Amino acid sequence: MAYWLVKSEPSAWSWDDQVKAGKKGEPWTGVRNHAAKLNLMRMKKGDRAFFYHSVDEKRIVGVVEIVREHYPDPTAEPGSPWVVVDVKALEALPTPVTLAAVKAEKSLSEMALLKLSRLSVQPVTDAEWTRICEMGGLAG
């Protein structure tokens, strides 16, 4: 299993919206960056991702599971290169992990969230996953 982080502006699609989508999940639409698209294409069914509220909140609020591998983004122009994966909510972090907390944690200093801050879909290492889960009150 691989780990990821996906970002969303809560005003556009929030953790609460993701939870309401239910067990079927929802397509992760609107990615229009080639590096992020390549990360979507690397995702496999069963992979996990942190759900990050961007812009004003800047915090990891939950964990989602990839339930369908990449396919054409239904919100994109036909024939475009953009793809989506379907994700479903698994669990909220008991304690959301803020960007400030990630920056303060030395073991996370190389995390893509800090190095590639504008990338909306990014990989997370096993060690980073475990540490963020600990910080957020999850077993990992």
C-alpha atoms as a PDB file:
ATOM      1  CA  MET A   1       0.000   0.000   0.000  1.00  0.00           C
ATOM      2  CA  ALA A   2       1.168   3.497  -0.835  1.00  0.00           C
ATOM      3  CA  TYR A   3       0.316   6.704   1.002  1.00  0.00           C
ATOM      4  CA  TRP A   4      -0.664  10.090  -0.376  1.00  0.00           C
ATOM      5  CA  LEU A   5      -1.966  13.522   0.563  1.00  0.00           C
ATOM      6  CA  VAL A   6      -4.779  15.221  -1.361  1.00  0.00           C
ATOM      7  CA  LYS A   7      -5.660  18.870  -0.907  1.00  0.00           C
ATOM      8  CA  SER A   8      -9.024  20.555  -1.167  1.00  0.00           C
ATOM      9  CA  GLU A   9     -10.334  23.987  -0.361  1.00  0.00           C
ATOM     10  CA  PRO A  10     -13.042  23.340   2.233  1.00  0.00           C
ATOM     11  CA  SER A  11     -15.326  25.858   0.535  1.00  0.00           C
ATOM     12  CA  ALA A  12     -15.182  23.743  -2.655  1.00  0.00           C
ATOM     13  CA  TRP A  13     -15.095  20.202  -1.170  1.00  0.00           C
ATOM     14  CA  SER A  14     -14.704  19.659   2.561  1.00  0.00           C
ATOM     15  CA  TRP A  15     -14.092  16.662   4.789  1.00  0.00           C
ATOM     16  CA  ASP A  16     -17.795  16.805   5.721  1.00  0.00           C
ATOM     17  CA  ASP A  17     -18.697  16.627   2.011  1.00  0.00           C
ATOM     18  CA  GLN A  18     -16.404  13.622   1.622  1.00  0.00           C
ATOM     19  CA  VAL A  19     -18.006  11.851   4.581  1.00  0.00           C
ATOM     20  CA  LYS A  20     -21.503  12.539   3.163  1.00  0.00           C
ATOM     21  CA  ALA A  21     -20.442  10.908  -0.148  1.00  0.00           C
ATOM     22  CA  GLY A  22     -20.575   7.594   1.721  1.00  0.00           C
ATOM     23  CA  LYS A  23     -19.015   4.218   1.043  1.00  0.00           C
ATOM     24  CA  LYS A  24     -19.255   4.562  -2.729  1.00  0.00           C
ATOM     25  CA  GLY A  25     -16.863   7.484  -2.574  1.00  0.00           C
ATOM     26  CA  GLU A  26     -16.525  10.389  -4.933  1.00  0.00           C
ATOM     27  CA  PRO A  27     -14.276  11.235  -7.902  1.00  0.00           C
ATOM     28  CA  TRP A  28     -11.344  13.511  -6.980  1.00  0.00           C
ATOM     29  CA  THR A  29     -11.987  15.971  -9.813  1.00  0.00           C
ATOM     30  CA  GLY A  30     -10.402  19.178 -11.013  1.00  0.00           C
ATOM     31  CA  VAL A  31      -6.694  18.314 -10.876  1.00  0.00           C
ATOM     32  CA  ARG A  32      -5.038  20.387 -13.610  1.00  0.00           C
ATOM     33  CA  ASN A  33      -1.346  19.959 -12.850  1.00  0.00           C
ATOM     34  CA  HIS A  34       0.712  17.315 -14.649  1.00  0.00           C
ATOM     35  CA  ALA A  35       2.754  16.269 -11.604  1.00  0.00           C
ATOM     36  CA  ALA A  36      -0.421  15.855  -9.552  1.00  0.00           C
ATOM     37  CA  LYS A  37      -2.029  13.946 -12.448  1.00  0.00           C
ATOM     38  CA  LEU A  38       0.908  11.542 -12.539  1.00  0.00           C
ATOM     39  CA  ASN A  39       0.463  10.952  -8.801  1.00  0.00           C
ATOM     40  CA  LEU A  40      -3.233  10.185  -9.370  1.00  0.00           C
ATOM     41  CA  MET A  41      -2.205   7.705 -12.052  1.00  0.00           C
ATOM     42  CA  ARG A  42       0.162   5.965  -9.597  1.00  0.00           C
ATOM     43  CA  MET A  43      -2.574   5.464  -6.997  1.00  0.00           C
ATOM     44  CA  LYS A  44      -3.866   1.922  -6.535  1.00  0.00           C
ATOM     45  CA  LYS A  45      -7.127   0.657  -5.102  1.00  0.00           C
ATOM     46  CA  GLY A  46      -6.652   0.317  -1.345  1.00  0.00           C
ATOM     47  CA  ASP A  47      -4.025   3.073  -1.050  1.00  0.00           C
ATOM     48  CA  ARG A  48      -4.659   5.649   1.672  1.00  0.00           C
ATOM     49  CA  ALA A  49      -4.415   9.427   1.561  1.00  0.00           C
ATOM     50  CA  PHE A  50      -4.548  12.222   4.050  1.00  0.00           C
ATOM     51  CA  PHE A  51      -7.342  14.714   3.353  1.00  0.00           C
ATOM     52  CA  TYR A  52      -5.895  18.216   3.692  1.00  0.00           C
ATOM     53  CA  HIS A  53      -7.990  21.375   4.021  1.00  0.00           C
ATOM     54  CA  SER A  54      -5.997  24.023   2.150  1.00  0.00           C
ATOM     55  CA  VAL A  55      -6.170  27.822   1.969  1.00  0.00           C
ATOM     56  CA  ASP A  56      -7.457  29.187   5.296  1.00  0.00           C
ATOM     57  CA  GLU A  57      -7.335  26.049   7.473  1.00  0.00           C
ATOM     58  CA  LYS A  58      -4.077  24.417   6.298  1.00  0.00           C
ATOM     59  CA  ARG A  59      -4.511  21.180   8.216  1.00  0.00           C
ATOM     60  CA  ILE A  60      -4.837  17.435   7.725  1.00  0.00           C
ATOM     61  CA  VAL A  61      -8.321  16.486   8.857  1.00  0.00           C
ATOM     62  CA  GLY A  62      -8.951  12.907   7.757  1.00  0.00           C
ATOM     63  CA  VAL A  63      -7.970   9.737   5.935  1.00  0.00           C
ATOM     64  CA  VAL A  64      -9.482   8.542   2.665  1.00  0.00           C
ATOM     65  CA  GLU A  65      -9.078   5.302   0.746  1.00  0.00           C
ATOM     66  CA  ILE A  66      -8.679   4.975  -3.013  1.00  0.00           C
ATOM     67  CA  VAL A  67     -11.660   2.874  -4.127  1.00  0.00           C
ATOM     68  CA  ARG A  68     -11.272   3.199  -7.923  1.00  0.00           C
ATOM     69  CA  GLU A  69      -8.087   3.703  -9.917  1.00  0.00           C
ATOM     70  CA  HIS A  70      -7.642   6.508 -12.438  1.00  0.00           C
ATOM     71  CA  TYR A  71     -10.037   7.188 -15.292  1.00  0.00           C
ATOM     72  CA  PRO A  72     -10.837  10.311 -17.377  1.00  0.00           C
ATOM     73  CA  ASP A  73     -11.948  13.326 -15.353  1.00  0.00           C
ATOM     74  CA  PRO A  74     -15.644  13.865 -16.136  1.00  0.00           C
ATOM     75  CA  THR A  75     -15.241  17.616 -15.457  1.00  0.00           C
ATOM     76  CA  ALA A  76     -12.513  18.005 -18.124  1.00  0.00           C
ATOM     77  CA  GLU A  77     -12.846  18.583 -21.848  1.00  0.00           C
ATOM     78  CA  PRO A  78     -13.261  15.316 -23.777  1.00  0.00           C
ATOM     79  CA  GLY A  79      -9.885  14.011 -24.949  1.00  0.00           C
ATOM     80  CA  SER A  80      -7.953  15.999 -22.326  1.00  0.00           C
ATOM     81  CA  PRO A  81      -5.199  14.271 -20.345  1.00  0.00           C
ATOM     82  CA  TRP A  82      -6.809  14.846 -16.923  1.00  0.00           C
ATOM     83  CA  VAL A  83      -7.805  11.932 -14.694  1.00  0.00           C
ATOM     84  CA  VAL A  84      -9.544  11.235 -11.395  1.00  0.00           C
ATOM     85  CA  VAL A  85      -9.555   8.493  -8.794  1.00  0.00           C
ATOM     86  CA  ASP A  86     -12.511   7.732  -6.553  1.00  0.00           C
ATOM     87  CA  VAL A  87     -11.943   8.175  -2.823  1.00  0.00           C
ATOM     88  CA  LYS A  88     -14.055   7.388   0.221  1.00  0.00           C
ATOM     89  CA  ALA A  89     -13.717   8.750   3.740  1.00  0.00           C
ATOM     90  CA  LEU A  90     -12.297   6.298   6.282  1.00  0.00           C
ATOM     91  CA  GLU A  91     -11.868   8.319   9.464  1.00  0.00           C
ATOM     92  CA  ALA A  92     -11.332  11.814  10.772  1.00  0.00           C
ATOM     93  CA  LEU A  93      -8.183  12.630  12.672  1.00  0.00           C
ATOM     94  CA  PRO A  94      -9.157  13.036  16.336  1.00  0.00           C
ATOM     95  CA  THR A  95      -6.734  15.972  16.389  1.00  0.00           C
ATOM     96  CA  PRO A  96      -6.272  17.717  13.021  1.00  0.00           C
ATOM     97  CA  VAL A  97      -2.590  18.206  12.174  1.00  0.00           C
ATOM     98  CA  THR A  98      -1.851  21.769  11.141  1.00  0.00           C
ATOM     99  CA  LEU A  99       0.736  22.864   8.616  1.00  0.00           C
ATOM    100  CA  ALA A 100       2.474  24.689  11.465  1.00  0.00           C
ATOM    101  CA  ALA A 101       2.727  21.420  13.422  1.00  0.00           C
ATOM    102  CA  VAL A 102       4.169  19.632  10.384  1.00  0.00           C
ATOM    103  CA  LYS A 103       6.745  22.413   9.959  1.00  0.00           C
ATOM    104  CA  ALA A 104       7.688  22.157  13.641  1.00  0.00           C
ATOM    105  CA  GLU A 105       8.275  18.376  13.489  1.00  0.00           C
ATOM    106  CA  LYS A 106      11.905  17.721  12.496  1.00  0.00           C
ATOM    107  CA  SER A 107      11.159  14.202  11.232  1.00  0.00           C
ATOM    108  CA  LEU A 108       8.798  15.712   8.613  1.00  0.00           C
ATOM    109  CA  SER A 109      11.211  18.321   7.253  1.00  0.00           C
ATOM    110  CA  GLU A 110      11.491  16.569   3.861  1.00  0.00           C
ATOM    111  CA  MET A 111       7.751  15.996   3.442  1.00  0.00           C
ATOM    112  CA  ALA A 112       6.332  16.995   0.043  1.00  0.00           C
ATOM    113  CA  LEU A 113       3.779  19.139   1.872  1.00  0.00           C
ATOM    114  CA  LEU A 114       6.693  21.419   2.802  1.00  0.00           C
ATOM    115  CA  LYS A 115       8.928  20.978  -0.249  1.00  0.00           C
ATOM    116  CA  LEU A 116       6.201  21.024  -2.936  1.00  0.00           C
ATOM    117  CA  SER A 117       3.661  23.150  -1.120  1.00  0.00           C
ATOM    118  CA  ARG A 118       1.522  23.983  -4.163  1.00  0.00           C
ATOM    119  CA  LEU A 119       1.171  20.379  -5.396  1.00  0.00           C
ATOM    120  CA  SER A 120      -2.417  19.226  -4.790  1.00  0.00           C
ATOM    121  CA  VAL A 121      -1.768  15.460  -4.925  1.00  0.00           C
ATOM    122  CA  GLN A 122       1.485  14.280  -3.385  1.00  0.00           C
ATOM    123  CA  PRO A 123       3.186  11.156  -2.077  1.00  0.00           C
ATOM    124  CA  VAL A 124       3.717  10.495   1.635  1.00  0.00           C
ATOM    125  CA  THR A 125       6.413   8.116   2.878  1.00  0.00           C
ATOM    126  CA  ASP A 126       5.659   5.295   5.311  1.00  0.00           C
ATOM    127  CA  ALA A 127       7.555   7.109   8.079  1.00  0.00           C
ATOM    128  CA  GLU A 128       5.715  10.392   7.396  1.00  0.00           C
ATOM    129  CA  TRP A 129       2.376   8.553   7.422  1.00  0.00           C
ATOM    130  CA  THR A 130       3.122   6.944  10.760  1.00  0.00           C
ATOM    131  CA  ARG A 131       4.266  10.215  12.334  1.00  0.00           C
ATOM    132  CA  ILE A 132       1.268  12.236  11.090  1.00  0.00           C
ATOM    133  CA  CYS A 133      -1.087   9.514  12.349  1.00  0.00           C
ATOM    134  CA  GLU A 134       0.602   9.671  15.763  1.00  0.00           C
ATOM    135  CA  MET A 135       0.322  13.456  15.825  1.00  0.00           C
ATOM    136  CA  GLY A 136      -3.349  13.254  14.822  1.00  0.00           C
ATOM    137  CA  GLY A 137      -4.272  10.592  17.362  1.00  0.00           C
ATOM    138  CA  LEU A 138      -4.641   7.621  14.970  1.00  0.00           C
ATOM    139  CA  ALA A 139      -3.024   4.219  15.342  1.00  0.00           C
ATOM    140  CA  GLY A 140      -1.438   4.535  11.882  1.00  0.00           C
END
